[in-house]
Amino acid sequence: MILQNSKGKVRNFQIIFEVEKKKKKYIVYQDINTKNIYGGIVEGEKLRPLVDKEYLYLDKLVSMIME
């Protein structure tokens, strides 16, 4: 998948998983070039960085899945 981040850079990445909650689409993805894993919210064709509360939500969700 290809999206543009908040700084205007176009990135190609592999989606690890998606979560939809209250009309928001959270994604956890791996950058194909660097192999780093990130999270963000898809808004249209752009990817917005997560705030602390959103990181905690995804962290809790992943922890529950892993149990």
Protein backbone atom coordinates (compact mmCIF):
# COMPACT_ATOMS: atom_id res chain seq x y z
CA MET A 1 0.00 0.00 0.00
CA ILE A 2 1.19 3.54 -0.72
CA LEU A 3 0.21 6.54 1.43
CA GLN A 4 1.50 10.03 2.07
CA ASN A 5 2.60 10.83 5.63
CA SER A 6 1.98 14.08 7.50
CA LYS A 7 5.31 15.51 6.26
CA GLY A 8 4.33 14.95 2.62
CA LYS A 9 6.59 11.93 2.01
CA VAL A 10 5.07 9.12 -0.03
CA ARG A 11 5.76 5.73 1.52
CA ASN A 12 5.30 2.17 0.32
CA PHE A 13 4.60 -0.20 3.19
CA GLN A 14 3.26 -3.60 4.19
CA ILE A 15 0.20 -3.57 6.45
CA ILE A 16 0.56 -5.85 9.48
CA PHE A 17 -2.97 -5.26 10.73
CA GLU A 18 -5.85 -2.76 10.63
CA VAL A 19 -8.41 -1.78 13.27
CA GLU A 20 -11.53 0.27 12.68
CA LYS A 21 -13.11 2.02 15.65
CA LYS A 22 -15.66 4.83 15.58
CA LYS A 23 -15.05 5.55 11.89
CA LYS A 24 -11.26 5.78 12.45
CA LYS A 25 -8.95 3.37 10.65
CA TYR A 26 -5.81 2.53 12.65
CA ILE A 27 -3.03 0.63 10.94
CA VAL A 28 0.17 -0.99 12.12
CA TYR A 29 2.58 -1.31 9.24
CA GLN A 30 6.15 -2.10 8.28
CA ASP A 31 8.17 0.27 6.11
CA ILE A 32 9.40 -1.84 3.19
CA ASN A 33 12.68 0.10 2.89
CA THR A 34 13.75 0.28 6.54
CA LYS A 35 11.84 -2.74 7.96
CA ASN A 36 10.77 -0.53 10.90
CA ILE A 37 7.25 -0.99 12.31
CA TYR A 38 4.96 2.03 12.81
CA GLY A 39 1.35 2.87 13.63
CA GLY A 40 -0.91 5.57 12.27
CA ILE A 41 -4.43 6.65 11.37
CA VAL A 42 -5.53 6.75 7.74
CA GLU A 43 -7.37 9.96 6.88
CA GLY A 44 -8.28 9.98 3.20
CA GLU A 45 -5.03 9.33 1.33
CA LYS A 46 -2.81 10.55 4.18
CA LEU A 47 -1.37 8.85 7.21
CA ARG A 48 -1.55 10.77 10.50
CA PRO A 49 0.77 9.90 13.41
CA LEU A 50 -0.76 8.48 16.58
CA VAL A 51 -1.07 10.44 19.82
CA ASP A 52 -0.26 8.83 23.18
CA LYS A 53 -3.87 7.80 23.86
CA GLU A 54 -4.05 6.03 20.49
CA TYR A 55 -0.75 4.22 21.08
CA LEU A 56 -2.11 2.97 24.41
CA TYR A 57 -5.29 1.74 22.71
CA LEU A 58 -3.34 -0.27 20.11
CA ASP A 59 -0.91 -1.55 22.74
CA LYS A 60 -3.78 -2.82 24.87
CA LEU A 61 -5.43 -4.41 21.84
CA VAL A 62 -2.25 -6.24 20.80
CA SER A 63 -1.66 -7.40 24.39
CA MET A 64 -5.17 -8.88 24.53
CA ILE A 65 -4.63 -10.68 21.21
CA MET A 66 -1.31 -12.13 22.38
CA GLU A 67 -2.75 -13.60 25.60
